[in-house]
Amino acid sequence: MVWTFVLIALILGAFYAYKEYTRTNSDLSKSKADIKISAADLIKEYEAGDSAANKKYLDKIVELTGIVKKLEKDDAGDYTIVIGDTLSMSSVRCLPDSNHRSDAAIVKENSTITVRGKCTGFKKNELLGENLGSDVELTRCVVIKN
């Protein structure tokens, strides 16, 4: 009788471990955005107070529209789409989802773009009290409109 319970527990544990090991993130191109906002407004809210903005945006699916400042490509061939006002040092950095890398490759600088991604926070870049540009970061981004 005890061995039956042990066997059932092992089978259930193995099934749970397999499901967790093979779990993938949902494709954000099919997800509904929690919040829709312009890149400029998102940056302003974070610069006004990152604690309050984190409560509103952190770990949420954000769909934003803005101007592509630049498209960066690293040594591994991965892209980062930098969105924001070209006159400002602050921006939104969008790290594309691995399933949508080819969408990021065709993005053009100075074009208007709409992306959807998960907000992972804000990196403030200050030196001696001067704002040298700060970045809001979105991960698992997908290009909605290019």
C-alpha atoms as a PDB file:
ATOM      1  CA  MET A   1       0.000   0.000   0.000  1.00  0.00           C
ATOM      2  CA  VAL A   2       2.777   2.467   0.926  1.00  0.00           C
ATOM      3  CA  TRP A   3       4.669   1.561  -2.257  1.00  0.00           C
ATOM      4  CA  THR A   4       1.613   2.492  -4.315  1.00  0.00           C
ATOM      5  CA  PHE A   5       1.579   6.005  -2.854  1.00  0.00           C
ATOM      6  CA  VAL A   6       5.348   6.343  -3.368  1.00  0.00           C
ATOM      7  CA  LEU A   7       5.006   5.207  -6.996  1.00  0.00           C
ATOM      8  CA  ILE A   8       2.141   7.645  -7.643  1.00  0.00           C
ATOM      9  CA  ALA A   9       4.105  10.486  -6.026  1.00  0.00           C
ATOM     10  CA  LEU A  10       7.157   9.701  -8.181  1.00  0.00           C
ATOM     11  CA  ILE A  11       5.078   9.609 -11.371  1.00  0.00           C
ATOM     12  CA  LEU A  12       3.374  12.913 -10.534  1.00  0.00           C
ATOM     13  CA  GLY A  13       6.706  14.495  -9.605  1.00  0.00           C
ATOM     14  CA  ALA A  14       8.322  13.323 -12.839  1.00  0.00           C
ATOM     15  CA  PHE A  15       5.372  14.626 -14.880  1.00  0.00           C
ATOM     16  CA  TYR A  16       5.552  18.033 -13.150  1.00  0.00           C
ATOM     17  CA  ALA A  17       9.339  18.240 -13.659  1.00  0.00           C
ATOM     18  CA  TYR A  18       8.960  17.381 -17.358  1.00  0.00           C
ATOM     19  CA  LYS A  19       6.255  20.031 -17.853  1.00  0.00           C
ATOM     20  CA  GLU A  20       8.413  22.696 -16.164  1.00  0.00           C
ATOM     21  CA  TYR A  21      11.537  21.690 -18.092  1.00  0.00           C
ATOM     22  CA  THR A  22       9.778  21.885 -21.469  1.00  0.00           C
ATOM     23  CA  ARG A  23       7.730  25.017 -20.679  1.00  0.00           C
ATOM     24  CA  THR A  24       8.165  27.961 -23.069  1.00  0.00           C
ATOM     25  CA  ASN A  25       7.199  31.615 -22.838  1.00  0.00           C
ATOM     26  CA  SER A  26       4.034  32.670 -24.602  1.00  0.00           C
ATOM     27  CA  ASP A  27       4.422  34.494 -27.916  1.00  0.00           C
ATOM     28  CA  LEU A  28       3.661  38.145 -27.221  1.00  0.00           C
ATOM     29  CA  SER A  29       2.506  38.722 -30.801  1.00  0.00           C
ATOM     30  CA  LYS A  30      -0.647  36.834 -29.795  1.00  0.00           C
ATOM     31  CA  SER A  31      -0.967  38.391 -26.336  1.00  0.00           C
ATOM     32  CA  LYS A  32      -3.048  41.401 -25.406  1.00  0.00           C
ATOM     33  CA  ALA A  33      -1.100  44.383 -24.098  1.00  0.00           C
ATOM     34  CA  ASP A  34      -1.738  45.374 -20.473  1.00  0.00           C
ATOM     35  CA  ILE A  35      -0.794  48.969 -21.302  1.00  0.00           C
ATOM     36  CA  LYS A  36      -0.508  50.980 -24.542  1.00  0.00           C
ATOM     37  CA  ILE A  37       1.683  54.093 -24.391  1.00  0.00           C
ATOM     38  CA  SER A  38       4.096  56.186 -26.430  1.00  0.00           C
ATOM     39  CA  ALA A  39       7.811  55.674 -25.862  1.00  0.00           C
ATOM     40  CA  ALA A  40       8.201  59.329 -24.868  1.00  0.00           C
ATOM     41  CA  ASP A  41       5.476  59.081 -22.199  1.00  0.00           C
ATOM     42  CA  LEU A  42       6.924  55.846 -20.790  1.00  0.00           C
ATOM     43  CA  ILE A  43      10.367  57.428 -20.491  1.00  0.00           C
ATOM     44  CA  LYS A  44       8.898  60.546 -18.831  1.00  0.00           C
ATOM     45  CA  GLU A  45       7.048  58.476 -16.237  1.00  0.00           C
ATOM     46  CA  TYR A  46      10.196  56.524 -15.338  1.00  0.00           C
ATOM     47  CA  GLU A  47      12.314  59.674 -15.147  1.00  0.00           C
ATOM     48  CA  ALA A  48       9.699  61.322 -12.903  1.00  0.00           C
ATOM     49  CA  GLY A  49       9.888  58.450 -10.424  1.00  0.00           C
ATOM     50  CA  ASP A  50      11.030  54.947 -11.156  1.00  0.00           C
ATOM     51  CA  SER A  51       9.409  53.448  -8.034  1.00  0.00           C
ATOM     52  CA  ALA A  52       5.943  54.658  -9.019  1.00  0.00           C
ATOM     53  CA  ALA A  53       6.510  53.680 -12.650  1.00  0.00           C
ATOM     54  CA  ASN A  54       7.700  50.204 -11.636  1.00  0.00           C
ATOM     55  CA  LYS A  55       4.448  49.651  -9.755  1.00  0.00           C
ATOM     56  CA  LYS A  56       2.557  50.532 -12.916  1.00  0.00           C
ATOM     57  CA  TYR A  57       4.693  48.863 -15.636  1.00  0.00           C
ATOM     58  CA  LEU A  58       7.119  46.286 -14.217  1.00  0.00           C
ATOM     59  CA  ASP A  59       6.411  42.728 -15.463  1.00  0.00           C
ATOM     60  CA  LYS A  60       3.486  44.003 -17.571  1.00  0.00           C
ATOM     61  CA  ILE A  61       3.030  43.541 -21.310  1.00  0.00           C
ATOM     62  CA  VAL A  62       3.557  47.030 -22.767  1.00  0.00           C
ATOM     63  CA  GLU A  63       2.755  48.068 -26.314  1.00  0.00           C
ATOM     64  CA  LEU A  64       4.520  51.263 -27.276  1.00  0.00           C
ATOM     65  CA  THR A  65       4.955  53.448 -30.309  1.00  0.00           C
ATOM     66  CA  GLY A  66       7.934  55.649 -31.046  1.00  0.00           C
ATOM     67  CA  ILE A  67      10.770  56.577 -33.391  1.00  0.00           C
ATOM     68  CA  VAL A  68      13.623  54.107 -33.925  1.00  0.00           C
ATOM     69  CA  LYS A  69      16.793  55.903 -32.803  1.00  0.00           C
ATOM     70  CA  LYS A  70      19.056  53.042 -33.806  1.00  0.00           C
ATOM     71  CA  LEU A  71      19.248  49.311 -34.347  1.00  0.00           C
ATOM     72  CA  GLU A  72      22.144  47.646 -32.526  1.00  0.00           C
ATOM     73  CA  LYS A  73      23.548  44.244 -33.426  1.00  0.00           C
ATOM     74  CA  ASP A  74      25.850  42.382 -31.045  1.00  0.00           C
ATOM     75  CA  ASP A  75      28.566  39.820 -31.810  1.00  0.00           C
ATOM     76  CA  ALA A  76      26.080  36.944 -31.517  1.00  0.00           C
ATOM     77  CA  GLY A  77      23.861  38.502 -34.190  1.00  0.00           C
ATOM     78  CA  ASP A  78      21.121  39.550 -31.763  1.00  0.00           C
ATOM     79  CA  TYR A  79      19.420  42.908 -32.237  1.00  0.00           C
ATOM     80  CA  THR A  80      18.335  45.620 -29.834  1.00  0.00           C
ATOM     81  CA  ILE A  81      15.828  48.184 -31.067  1.00  0.00           C
ATOM     82  CA  VAL A  82      16.432  51.565 -29.416  1.00  0.00           C
ATOM     83  CA  ILE A  83      13.310  53.752 -29.441  1.00  0.00           C
ATOM     84  CA  GLY A  84      12.905  57.370 -28.382  1.00  0.00           C
ATOM     85  CA  ASP A  85      13.457  60.998 -29.220  1.00  0.00           C
ATOM     86  CA  THR A  86      16.731  61.480 -31.079  1.00  0.00           C
ATOM     87  CA  LEU A  87      17.367  64.703 -29.133  1.00  0.00           C
ATOM     88  CA  SER A  88      17.173  62.897 -25.776  1.00  0.00           C
ATOM     89  CA  MET A  89      19.786  60.617 -24.286  1.00  0.00           C
ATOM     90  CA  SER A  90      17.082  58.452 -22.690  1.00  0.00           C
ATOM     91  CA  SER A  91      15.376  55.673 -24.619  1.00  0.00           C
ATOM     92  CA  VAL A  92      13.443  52.417 -24.548  1.00  0.00           C
ATOM     93  CA  ARG A  93      15.596  49.387 -25.335  1.00  0.00           C
ATOM     94  CA  CYS A  94      13.652  46.501 -26.884  1.00  0.00           C
ATOM     95  CA  LEU A  95      15.244  43.071 -26.894  1.00  0.00           C
ATOM     96  CA  PRO A  96      13.414  40.980 -29.526  1.00  0.00           C
ATOM     97  CA  ASP A  97      11.987  37.555 -28.797  1.00  0.00           C
ATOM     98  CA  SER A  98      14.165  34.793 -30.234  1.00  0.00           C
ATOM     99  CA  ASN A  99      11.270  33.678 -32.466  1.00  0.00           C
ATOM    100  CA  HIS A 100      11.002  37.172 -33.988  1.00  0.00           C
ATOM    101  CA  ARG A 101      14.648  38.079 -34.663  1.00  0.00           C
ATOM    102  CA  SER A 102      14.037  38.388 -38.397  1.00  0.00           C
ATOM    103  CA  ASP A 103      11.385  41.074 -37.744  1.00  0.00           C
ATOM    104  CA  ALA A 104      13.955  43.181 -35.900  1.00  0.00           C
ATOM    105  CA  ALA A 105      16.490  42.831 -38.713  1.00  0.00           C
ATOM    106  CA  ILE A 106      14.281  44.781 -41.153  1.00  0.00           C
ATOM    107  CA  VAL A 107      13.601  47.723 -38.829  1.00  0.00           C
ATOM    108  CA  LYS A 108      14.791  51.046 -40.254  1.00  0.00           C
ATOM    109  CA  GLU A 109      16.258  53.904 -38.225  1.00  0.00           C
ATOM    110  CA  ASN A 110      14.126  57.082 -37.958  1.00  0.00           C
ATOM    111  CA  SER A 111      10.952  55.129 -38.748  1.00  0.00           C
ATOM    112  CA  THR A 112       7.897  54.974 -36.497  1.00  0.00           C
ATOM    113  CA  ILE A 113       7.437  51.568 -34.919  1.00  0.00           C
ATOM    114  CA  THR A 114       5.029  49.814 -32.573  1.00  0.00           C
ATOM    115  CA  VAL A 115       6.424  47.002 -30.415  1.00  0.00           C
ATOM    116  CA  ARG A 116       5.025  44.828 -27.643  1.00  0.00           C
ATOM    117  CA  GLY A 117       7.224  43.474 -24.864  1.00  0.00           C
ATOM    118  CA  LYS A 118       7.538  42.733 -21.178  1.00  0.00           C
ATOM    119  CA  CYS A 119       8.807  45.655 -19.091  1.00  0.00           C
ATOM    120  CA  THR A 120      11.810  44.571 -17.011  1.00  0.00           C
ATOM    121  CA  GLY A 121      12.742  47.896 -15.476  1.00  0.00           C
ATOM    122  CA  PHE A 122      14.714  51.088 -15.715  1.00  0.00           C
ATOM    123  CA  LYS A 123      18.434  51.759 -15.761  1.00  0.00           C
ATOM    124  CA  LYS A 124      19.352  55.238 -14.673  1.00  0.00           C
ATOM    125  CA  ASN A 125      22.696  56.543 -15.880  1.00  0.00           C
ATOM    126  CA  GLU A 126      23.823  59.411 -13.671  1.00  0.00           C
ATOM    127  CA  LEU A 127      27.253  60.810 -13.050  1.00  0.00           C
ATOM    128  CA  LEU A 128      27.816  63.647 -10.578  1.00  0.00           C
ATOM    129  CA  GLY A 129      24.091  64.387 -10.458  1.00  0.00           C
ATOM    130  CA  GLU A 130      23.715  64.877 -14.207  1.00  0.00           C
ATOM    131  CA  ASN A 131      21.313  62.709 -16.158  1.00  0.00           C
ATOM    132  CA  LEU A 132      23.384  61.093 -18.898  1.00  0.00           C
ATOM    133  CA  GLY A 133      20.463  59.181 -20.354  1.00  0.00           C
ATOM    134  CA  SER A 134      18.419  56.383 -18.916  1.00  0.00           C
ATOM    135  CA  ASP A 135      16.841  53.313 -20.448  1.00  0.00           C
ATOM    136  CA  VAL A 136      13.526  51.566 -19.952  1.00  0.00           C
ATOM    137  CA  GLU A 137      13.989  47.918 -20.906  1.00  0.00           C
ATOM    138  CA  LEU A 138      11.515  45.620 -22.627  1.00  0.00           C
ATOM    139  CA  THR A 139      12.257  41.956 -23.283  1.00  0.00           C
ATOM    140  CA  ARG A 140      10.655  39.320 -25.523  1.00  0.00           C
ATOM    141  CA  CYS A 141       9.657  42.130 -27.899  1.00  0.00           C
ATOM    142  CA  VAL A 142       7.737  41.639 -31.107  1.00  0.00           C
ATOM    143  CA  VAL A 143       7.307  44.202 -33.854  1.00  0.00           C
ATOM    144  CA  ILE A 144       3.597  44.939 -34.256  1.00  0.00           C
ATOM    145  CA  LYS A 145       3.846  47.712 -36.857  1.00  0.00           C
ATOM    146  CA  ASN A 146       6.926  48.819 -38.747  1.00  0.00           C
END
